[in-house]
N, C-alpha and C. Protein backbone atom coordinates (compact mmCIF):
# COMPACT_ATOMS: atom_id res chain seq x y z
N MET A 1 58.33 162.21 77.35
CA MET A 1 58.24 163.06 76.30
C MET A 1 58.24 164.56 76.92
N VAL A 2 59.19 165.27 76.26
CA VAL A 2 59.32 166.70 76.68
C VAL A 2 58.06 167.56 76.31
N ASP A 3 57.63 168.43 77.30
CA ASP A 3 56.56 169.21 77.04
C ASP A 3 56.96 170.42 76.15
N ILE A 4 56.60 170.50 74.85
CA ILE A 4 56.95 171.54 73.91
C ILE A 4 55.84 172.58 73.84
N HIS A 5 56.14 173.75 74.11
CA HIS A 5 55.18 174.89 74.14
C HIS A 5 54.52 175.15 72.70
N LYS A 6 53.25 175.34 72.57
CA LYS A 6 52.67 175.38 71.29
C LYS A 6 53.27 176.38 70.39
N SER A 7 53.89 177.45 70.80
CA SER A 7 54.50 178.56 70.04
C SER A 7 55.58 178.22 69.25
N VAL A 8 56.39 177.13 69.85
CA VAL A 8 57.63 176.74 69.19
C VAL A 8 57.51 175.30 68.53
N SER A 9 56.43 174.58 68.75
CA SER A 9 56.30 173.28 68.32
C SER A 9 56.47 172.97 66.88
N ASN A 10 55.93 173.97 65.97
CA ASN A 10 56.10 173.78 64.58
C ASN A 10 57.54 174.01 64.06
N LEU A 11 58.16 175.04 64.61
CA LEU A 11 59.50 175.34 64.48
C LEU A 11 60.31 174.19 64.90
N PHE A 12 60.03 173.56 65.99
CA PHE A 12 60.80 172.48 66.40
C PHE A 12 60.71 171.27 65.51
N GLN A 13 59.61 170.98 64.98
CA GLN A 13 59.31 169.85 64.12
C GLN A 13 60.08 170.13 62.81
N GLU A 14 60.06 171.27 62.33
CA GLU A 14 60.63 171.66 61.05
C GLU A 14 62.19 171.61 61.26
N HIS A 15 62.77 171.88 62.35
CA HIS A 15 64.18 171.97 62.52
C HIS A 15 64.77 171.07 63.64
N GLU A 16 64.26 169.87 63.76
CA GLU A 16 64.61 169.00 64.88
C GLU A 16 66.11 168.64 64.83
N ASP A 17 66.67 168.74 63.48
CA ASP A 17 67.99 168.36 63.37
C ASP A 17 69.00 169.46 63.96
N LEU A 18 68.40 170.68 64.12
CA LEU A 18 69.26 171.89 64.47
C LEU A 18 69.02 172.15 65.99
N LEU A 19 67.83 171.67 66.59
CA LEU A 19 67.57 172.01 67.94
C LEU A 19 67.57 170.74 68.83
N GLU A 20 68.37 170.94 69.91
CA GLU A 20 68.42 169.73 70.90
C GLU A 20 67.45 170.37 72.08
N ILE A 21 66.39 169.39 72.25
CA ILE A 21 65.57 169.86 73.33
C ILE A 21 65.96 169.24 74.74
N PHE A 22 65.70 169.94 75.92
CA PHE A 22 66.18 169.36 77.23
C PHE A 22 64.88 169.65 78.07
N GLU A 23 64.59 168.68 78.76
CA GLU A 23 63.51 168.69 79.87
C GLU A 23 64.10 169.13 81.09
N CYS A 24 63.48 170.17 81.74
CA CYS A 24 63.97 170.58 83.01
C CYS A 24 62.84 170.81 84.00
N MET A 25 62.99 170.74 85.27
CA MET A 25 62.00 170.98 86.16
C MET A 25 61.72 172.35 86.42
N ASP A 26 60.48 172.86 86.58
CA ASP A 26 59.96 174.20 86.70
C ASP A 26 60.90 174.92 87.71
N GLU A 27 61.12 174.42 88.83
CA GLU A 27 61.91 175.04 89.97
C GLU A 27 63.33 175.22 89.55
N PHE A 28 63.81 174.74 88.60
CA PHE A 28 65.30 174.94 88.09
C PHE A 28 65.10 175.73 86.73
N SER A 29 64.13 176.36 86.44
CA SER A 29 64.16 176.96 84.98
C SER A 29 64.80 178.25 84.94
N ASP A 30 64.97 178.93 85.96
CA ASP A 30 65.65 180.29 85.97
C ASP A 30 67.20 179.96 85.77
N THR A 31 67.79 180.82 84.99
CA THR A 31 69.12 180.69 84.46
C THR A 31 70.25 180.02 85.44
N GLN A 32 70.38 180.77 86.61
CA GLN A 32 71.36 180.33 87.54
C GLN A 32 71.11 179.12 88.25
N SER A 33 69.67 178.77 88.56
CA SER A 33 69.27 177.56 89.03
C SER A 33 69.51 176.38 88.05
N PHE A 34 69.15 176.62 86.94
CA PHE A 34 69.29 175.55 85.76
C PHE A 34 70.90 175.17 85.67
N CYS A 35 71.69 176.22 85.69
CA CYS A 35 73.19 175.96 85.49
C CYS A 35 73.58 175.18 86.77
N ASP A 36 73.35 175.52 87.84
CA ASP A 36 73.67 174.88 89.21
C ASP A 36 73.21 173.52 89.37
N HIS A 37 71.84 173.32 89.01
CA HIS A 37 71.23 171.91 89.13
C HIS A 37 71.69 170.93 87.99
N TYR A 38 71.94 171.46 86.80
CA TYR A 38 72.20 170.48 85.71
C TYR A 38 73.59 170.53 85.33
N GLY A 39 74.35 171.40 85.80
CA GLY A 39 75.82 171.38 85.53
C GLY A 39 76.17 172.11 84.10
N TYR A 40 75.51 172.97 83.71
CA TYR A 40 75.83 173.87 82.54
C TYR A 40 76.37 175.06 82.88
N LYS A 41 77.21 175.61 81.99
CA LYS A 41 77.90 176.93 82.27
C LYS A 41 76.95 178.04 82.03
N ILE A 42 76.90 179.07 82.92
CA ILE A 42 76.11 180.18 82.77
C ILE A 42 76.54 181.06 81.44
N GLU A 43 77.81 180.76 81.06
CA GLU A 43 78.38 181.59 79.95
C GLU A 43 77.57 181.00 78.48
N ASP A 44 76.86 179.80 78.73
CA ASP A 44 76.40 179.29 77.55
C ASP A 44 74.88 179.62 77.56
N ALA A 45 74.28 180.21 78.60
CA ALA A 45 72.99 180.72 78.76
C ALA A 45 72.71 181.86 77.77
N CYS A 46 71.47 181.86 77.02
CA CYS A 46 71.30 183.02 76.21
C CYS A 46 69.89 183.52 76.69
N ASN A 47 69.95 184.57 77.50
CA ASN A 47 68.66 185.11 78.26
C ASN A 47 67.83 186.05 77.11
N ALA A 48 66.50 185.78 77.08
CA ALA A 48 65.72 186.62 76.36
C ALA A 48 65.10 187.65 77.30
N ILE A 49 65.18 188.86 76.83
CA ILE A 49 64.66 189.96 77.64
C ILE A 49 63.68 190.71 76.87
N LEU A 50 62.47 190.86 77.22
CA LEU A 50 61.51 191.80 76.29
C LEU A 50 61.59 193.11 76.89
N ILE A 51 61.73 194.05 75.81
CA ILE A 51 61.85 195.47 76.16
C ILE A 51 60.64 196.15 75.42
N LYS A 52 60.14 197.25 76.08
CA LYS A 52 59.24 198.03 75.52
C LYS A 52 59.65 199.45 75.36
N SER A 53 59.48 199.83 74.03
CA SER A 53 59.86 201.23 73.79
C SER A 53 58.60 202.14 73.88
N LYS A 54 58.80 203.23 74.55
CA LYS A 54 57.67 204.14 74.68
C LYS A 54 57.70 205.30 73.90
N LYS A 55 58.94 205.82 73.62
CA LYS A 55 59.03 207.03 72.70
C LYS A 55 60.09 206.90 71.86
N PRO A 56 59.88 207.33 70.58
CA PRO A 56 58.89 208.14 69.99
C PRO A 56 57.56 207.33 69.59
N GLU A 57 57.78 205.93 69.50
CA GLU A 57 56.57 205.11 69.23
C GLU A 57 56.74 203.88 70.28
N HIS A 58 55.48 203.26 70.43
CA HIS A 58 55.19 202.21 71.13
C HIS A 58 55.43 200.89 70.60
N PHE A 59 56.33 200.11 70.92
CA PHE A 59 56.54 198.67 70.37
C PHE A 59 57.47 197.96 71.35
N TYR A 60 57.55 196.55 70.98
CA TYR A 60 58.24 195.64 71.74
C TYR A 60 59.50 195.07 70.95
N ALA A 61 60.55 194.80 71.53
CA ALA A 61 61.70 194.05 71.08
C ALA A 61 62.31 193.10 72.03
N LEU A 62 62.96 192.05 71.44
CA LEU A 62 63.52 190.91 72.38
C LEU A 62 65.13 191.13 72.22
N PHE A 63 65.66 191.17 73.34
CA PHE A 63 67.20 191.30 73.42
C PHE A 63 67.69 190.00 73.88
N CYS A 64 68.62 189.26 73.32
CA CYS A 64 69.36 188.05 73.72
C CYS A 64 70.57 188.31 74.08
N VAL A 65 70.95 188.09 75.47
CA VAL A 65 72.31 188.22 75.94
C VAL A 65 72.74 187.09 76.79
N LEU A 66 73.99 186.87 76.77
CA LEU A 66 74.62 185.77 77.62
C LEU A 66 74.31 185.88 79.11
N GLY A 67 74.17 184.83 79.78
CA GLY A 67 73.93 184.87 81.35
C GLY A 67 74.79 185.53 82.24
N VAL A 68 76.07 185.75 81.62
CA VAL A 68 77.15 186.42 82.36
C VAL A 68 77.12 187.89 82.06
N ASP A 69 76.43 188.39 81.02
CA ASP A 69 76.48 189.72 80.60
C ASP A 69 75.25 190.46 81.07
N ARG A 70 75.34 191.93 80.98
CA ARG A 70 74.26 192.54 81.49
C ARG A 70 73.86 193.56 80.32
N LEU A 71 72.60 193.52 79.99
CA LEU A 71 72.14 194.48 78.85
C LEU A 71 72.29 195.82 79.28
N ASP A 72 72.83 196.61 78.31
CA ASP A 72 72.84 197.96 78.52
C ASP A 72 71.62 198.61 78.01
N VAL A 73 70.53 198.62 78.65
CA VAL A 73 69.25 199.15 78.08
C VAL A 73 69.33 200.57 77.88
N ASN A 74 69.94 201.52 78.71
CA ASN A 74 69.81 202.97 78.60
C ASN A 74 70.68 203.58 77.47
N HIS A 75 71.70 202.93 77.24
CA HIS A 75 72.55 203.51 76.05
C HIS A 75 72.43 202.62 74.88
N LYS A 76 72.90 201.40 74.82
CA LYS A 76 73.03 200.52 73.72
C LYS A 76 71.58 200.04 73.18
N GLY A 77 70.77 199.84 74.07
CA GLY A 77 69.30 199.54 73.60
C GLY A 77 68.75 200.56 72.95
N LYS A 78 68.75 201.76 73.56
CA LYS A 78 68.01 202.94 72.99
C LYS A 78 68.61 203.37 71.62
N ALA A 79 69.90 203.13 71.49
CA ALA A 79 70.45 203.47 70.29
C ALA A 79 70.11 202.43 69.04
N VAL A 80 70.10 201.10 69.56
CA VAL A 80 69.74 200.00 68.62
C VAL A 80 68.20 200.22 68.09
N LEU A 81 67.32 200.51 69.12
CA LEU A 81 65.91 200.67 68.65
C LEU A 81 65.57 202.09 68.20
N ASN A 82 66.50 203.15 68.26
CA ASN A 82 66.26 204.39 68.03
C ASN A 82 65.08 205.00 68.88
N SER A 83 65.18 204.76 70.07
CA SER A 83 64.15 205.04 70.96
C SER A 83 64.63 205.91 72.22
N LYS A 84 63.85 206.86 72.59
CA LYS A 84 64.05 207.84 73.78
C LYS A 84 63.86 207.25 75.06
N LYS A 85 62.96 206.32 75.04
CA LYS A 85 62.46 205.89 76.38
C LYS A 85 62.12 204.29 76.20
N LEU A 86 62.87 203.57 77.13
CA LEU A 86 62.75 202.05 77.15
C LEU A 86 62.41 201.63 78.61
N SER A 87 61.67 200.49 78.66
CA SER A 87 61.45 199.84 79.92
C SER A 87 61.44 198.44 79.76
N PHE A 88 61.75 197.56 80.87
CA PHE A 88 61.53 196.19 80.82
C PHE A 88 60.11 195.75 80.70
N ALA A 89 59.66 194.91 79.91
CA ALA A 89 58.26 194.53 79.98
C ALA A 89 57.88 193.80 81.32
N SER A 90 56.77 194.00 81.81
CA SER A 90 56.39 193.29 83.16
C SER A 90 56.18 191.89 82.82
N ARG A 91 56.05 191.05 83.73
CA ARG A 91 55.64 189.74 83.54
C ARG A 91 54.41 189.49 82.81
N GLU A 92 53.42 190.24 83.12
CA GLU A 92 52.07 190.26 82.50
C GLU A 92 52.22 190.59 81.02
N GLU A 93 52.92 191.61 80.75
CA GLU A 93 53.11 192.09 79.53
C GLU A 93 53.96 191.01 78.64
N ALA A 94 54.92 190.63 79.24
CA ALA A 94 55.73 189.66 78.34
C ALA A 94 55.03 188.32 78.02
N GLU A 95 54.15 187.87 78.89
CA GLU A 95 53.40 186.76 78.73
C GLU A 95 52.26 187.07 77.61
N GLU A 96 51.73 188.20 77.60
CA GLU A 96 50.66 188.54 76.72
C GLU A 96 51.24 188.68 75.39
N ILE A 97 52.24 189.51 75.32
CA ILE A 97 52.92 189.97 74.07
C ILE A 97 53.51 188.62 73.34
N THR A 98 54.18 187.94 74.03
CA THR A 98 55.05 186.69 73.40
C THR A 98 54.13 185.43 73.27
N GLY A 99 53.09 185.26 74.23
CA GLY A 99 52.15 184.01 74.28
C GLY A 99 52.94 182.98 74.87
N GLN A 100 54.02 183.23 75.60
CA GLN A 100 54.97 182.22 76.20
C GLN A 100 54.85 182.46 77.76
N ILE A 101 55.45 181.58 78.49
CA ILE A 101 55.37 181.64 79.91
C ILE A 101 56.72 182.40 80.48
N TYR A 102 56.58 183.41 81.24
CA TYR A 102 57.61 184.10 81.82
C TYR A 102 58.59 183.14 82.56
N GLY A 103 59.83 183.36 82.45
CA GLY A 103 60.93 182.46 82.90
C GLY A 103 61.27 181.52 81.98
N GLY A 104 60.68 181.31 80.88
CA GLY A 104 61.05 180.40 79.80
C GLY A 104 60.82 181.02 78.31
N ILE A 105 60.59 182.33 78.46
CA ILE A 105 60.43 182.99 77.01
C ILE A 105 61.59 182.73 76.07
N SER A 106 61.27 182.36 74.90
CA SER A 106 62.16 181.92 73.88
C SER A 106 62.09 183.00 72.87
N PRO A 107 63.25 183.25 72.09
CA PRO A 107 63.34 184.05 70.94
C PRO A 107 62.71 183.21 69.73
N LEU A 108 62.49 182.02 69.90
CA LEU A 108 61.84 181.11 68.83
C LEU A 108 60.30 181.36 69.02
N GLY A 109 59.52 181.33 67.98
CA GLY A 109 58.15 181.22 68.01
C GLY A 109 57.39 182.58 68.46
N LEU A 110 58.07 183.65 68.33
CA LEU A 110 57.50 184.87 68.69
C LEU A 110 56.66 185.48 67.67
N PRO A 111 55.63 186.36 67.88
CA PRO A 111 54.91 187.09 66.86
C PRO A 111 55.86 187.89 65.95
N GLN A 112 55.59 187.87 64.74
CA GLN A 112 56.49 188.43 63.66
C GLN A 112 56.81 190.00 63.94
N ASP A 113 55.92 190.66 64.68
CA ASP A 113 56.06 192.11 64.93
C ASP A 113 57.16 192.37 66.03
N ILE A 114 57.74 191.44 66.60
CA ILE A 114 58.75 191.54 67.77
C ILE A 114 60.00 191.31 66.97
N LYS A 115 60.81 192.42 66.89
CA LYS A 115 62.14 192.19 66.31
C LYS A 115 63.10 191.68 67.40
N ILE A 116 64.03 190.84 66.97
CA ILE A 116 64.95 190.24 67.87
C ILE A 116 66.38 190.66 67.60
N TYR A 117 67.17 191.04 68.74
CA TYR A 117 68.41 191.50 68.59
C TYR A 117 69.40 190.55 69.50
N ILE A 118 70.43 189.99 68.97
CA ILE A 118 71.38 189.12 69.59
C ILE A 118 72.65 189.87 69.97
N ASP A 119 72.96 189.94 71.10
CA ASP A 119 74.26 190.44 71.52
C ASP A 119 75.39 189.78 70.76
N LYS A 120 76.48 190.52 70.34
CA LYS A 120 77.66 190.00 69.63
C LYS A 120 78.38 188.81 70.46
N ASN A 121 78.31 189.04 71.77
CA ASN A 121 79.00 187.86 72.65
C ASN A 121 78.30 186.62 72.45
N VAL A 122 77.06 186.54 72.18
CA VAL A 122 76.43 185.18 72.05
C VAL A 122 77.06 184.51 70.91
N MET A 123 77.41 185.26 69.81
CA MET A 123 77.98 184.54 68.62
C MET A 123 79.51 184.00 68.85
N LYS A 124 80.04 184.32 70.01
CA LYS A 124 81.45 183.62 70.18
C LYS A 124 81.27 182.29 70.99
N ARG A 125 80.04 181.84 71.33
CA ARG A 125 79.91 180.55 71.80
C ARG A 125 79.56 179.38 70.84
N ASP A 126 80.09 178.33 71.19
CA ASP A 126 79.86 177.10 70.27
C ASP A 126 78.24 176.74 70.21
N LYS A 127 77.71 176.71 71.45
CA LYS A 127 76.32 176.45 71.59
C LYS A 127 75.81 177.15 72.75
N VAL A 128 74.58 177.59 72.68
CA VAL A 128 73.91 178.09 73.69
C VAL A 128 72.67 177.48 73.99
N PHE A 129 72.11 177.77 75.34
CA PHE A 129 70.61 177.36 75.50
C PHE A 129 69.76 178.51 75.73
N ILE A 130 68.47 178.31 75.39
CA ILE A 130 67.53 179.27 75.39
C ILE A 130 66.16 178.74 75.97
N GLY A 131 65.31 179.46 76.43
CA GLY A 131 64.06 178.96 76.91
C GLY A 131 63.22 178.38 75.84
N GLY A 132 62.30 177.43 76.14
CA GLY A 132 61.60 176.65 75.30
C GLY A 132 60.12 177.27 75.12
N GLY A 133 59.81 178.30 75.72
CA GLY A 133 58.54 179.03 75.65
C GLY A 133 57.77 178.65 76.89
N ASN A 134 58.31 177.88 77.75
CA ASN A 134 57.72 177.36 78.99
C ASN A 134 58.84 177.28 80.02
N ARG A 135 58.46 176.91 81.21
CA ARG A 135 59.43 176.60 82.19
C ARG A 135 59.86 175.25 82.47
N VAL A 136 59.56 174.41 81.53
CA VAL A 136 60.01 172.82 81.62
C VAL A 136 60.75 172.43 80.46
N SER A 137 61.18 173.34 79.51
CA SER A 137 62.05 172.85 78.54
C SER A 137 62.97 174.10 78.08
N LYS A 138 64.19 173.66 77.48
CA LYS A 138 65.21 174.49 77.03
C LYS A 138 65.58 174.00 75.62
N PHE A 139 66.09 174.72 74.78
CA PHE A 139 66.68 174.27 73.43
C PHE A 139 68.28 174.72 73.58
N PHE A 140 68.92 173.66 73.08
CA PHE A 140 70.44 173.93 72.91
C PHE A 140 70.53 174.08 71.42
N LEU A 141 71.27 174.97 70.84
CA LEU A 141 71.60 175.23 69.48
C LEU A 141 72.72 176.14 69.29
N SER A 142 73.20 176.15 68.10
CA SER A 142 74.35 177.10 67.78
C SER A 142 73.73 178.58 67.68
N PRO A 143 74.71 179.55 67.92
CA PRO A 143 74.29 180.78 67.68
C PRO A 143 73.83 181.16 66.28
N GLU A 144 74.60 180.57 65.28
CA GLU A 144 74.24 180.78 64.00
C GLU A 144 72.88 180.28 63.58
N THR A 145 72.39 179.12 64.27
CA THR A 145 71.02 178.63 64.07
C THR A 145 70.04 179.57 64.65
N LEU A 146 70.25 180.11 65.82
CA LEU A 146 69.53 181.07 66.53
C LEU A 146 69.23 182.24 65.70
N VAL A 147 70.23 182.76 65.11
CA VAL A 147 70.14 184.00 64.21
C VAL A 147 69.31 183.63 62.95
N ASN A 148 69.60 182.50 62.46
CA ASN A 148 68.85 181.95 61.17
C ASN A 148 67.26 181.65 61.52
N LEU A 149 67.17 181.05 62.53
CA LEU A 149 65.59 180.81 62.80
C LEU A 149 64.79 181.99 63.42
N THR A 150 65.58 183.08 63.73
CA THR A 150 64.62 184.30 64.32
C THR A 150 64.76 185.44 63.34
N ASN A 151 65.68 185.36 62.33
CA ASN A 151 65.96 186.57 61.52
C ASN A 151 66.38 187.75 62.36
N ALA A 152 67.29 187.39 63.42
CA ALA A 152 67.64 188.46 64.34
C ALA A 152 68.87 189.29 63.70
N SER A 153 68.94 190.45 64.43
CA SER A 153 70.26 191.30 64.05
C SER A 153 71.16 191.07 65.26
N ILE A 154 72.51 190.92 64.84
CA ILE A 154 73.47 190.99 65.77
C ILE A 154 74.08 192.31 65.94
N GLU A 155 74.03 192.71 67.47
CA GLU A 155 74.41 194.07 67.78
C GLU A 155 75.25 194.02 69.05
N ASP A 156 75.90 195.13 69.48
CA ASP A 156 76.61 195.22 70.65
C ASP A 156 75.69 195.72 71.74
N LEU A 157 75.37 194.86 72.48
CA LEU A 157 74.17 195.19 73.51
C LEU A 157 74.60 195.16 74.84
N THR A 158 75.92 194.97 75.13
CA THR A 158 76.34 194.79 76.53
C THR A 158 77.62 195.73 76.83
């Protein structure tokens, strides 16, 4: 039985027909290691990156970008969030804010006050994989399902 993180368990039960769960070993949870070990394409990885806005107001947002792309935090991130100062959330902040495990943070099951933004390139894939809220599971799903289950906005982030 795959270990399902408590933050995503209800969502998974409600949408089992849309989410394919995959069990992985902790040591292969990081994107490149996962792809190398299990034979998946890094182009199908959808990485979740928690960003902290510091000015003009303090809040968190989650950006989702493909494993082959680099998030443009300083220009596109600031523009999307209408923020003057952004930084990457630390490991401790990310775990505290999301309630999930660093290295497996998922756009699914997040607190409602965290807005989610998905890069337009993610939408070009047939299927992507995301963290399962922990380091021992991943979800495979269509980009459309990801948008629908997270109420995310699609943006140009890379």
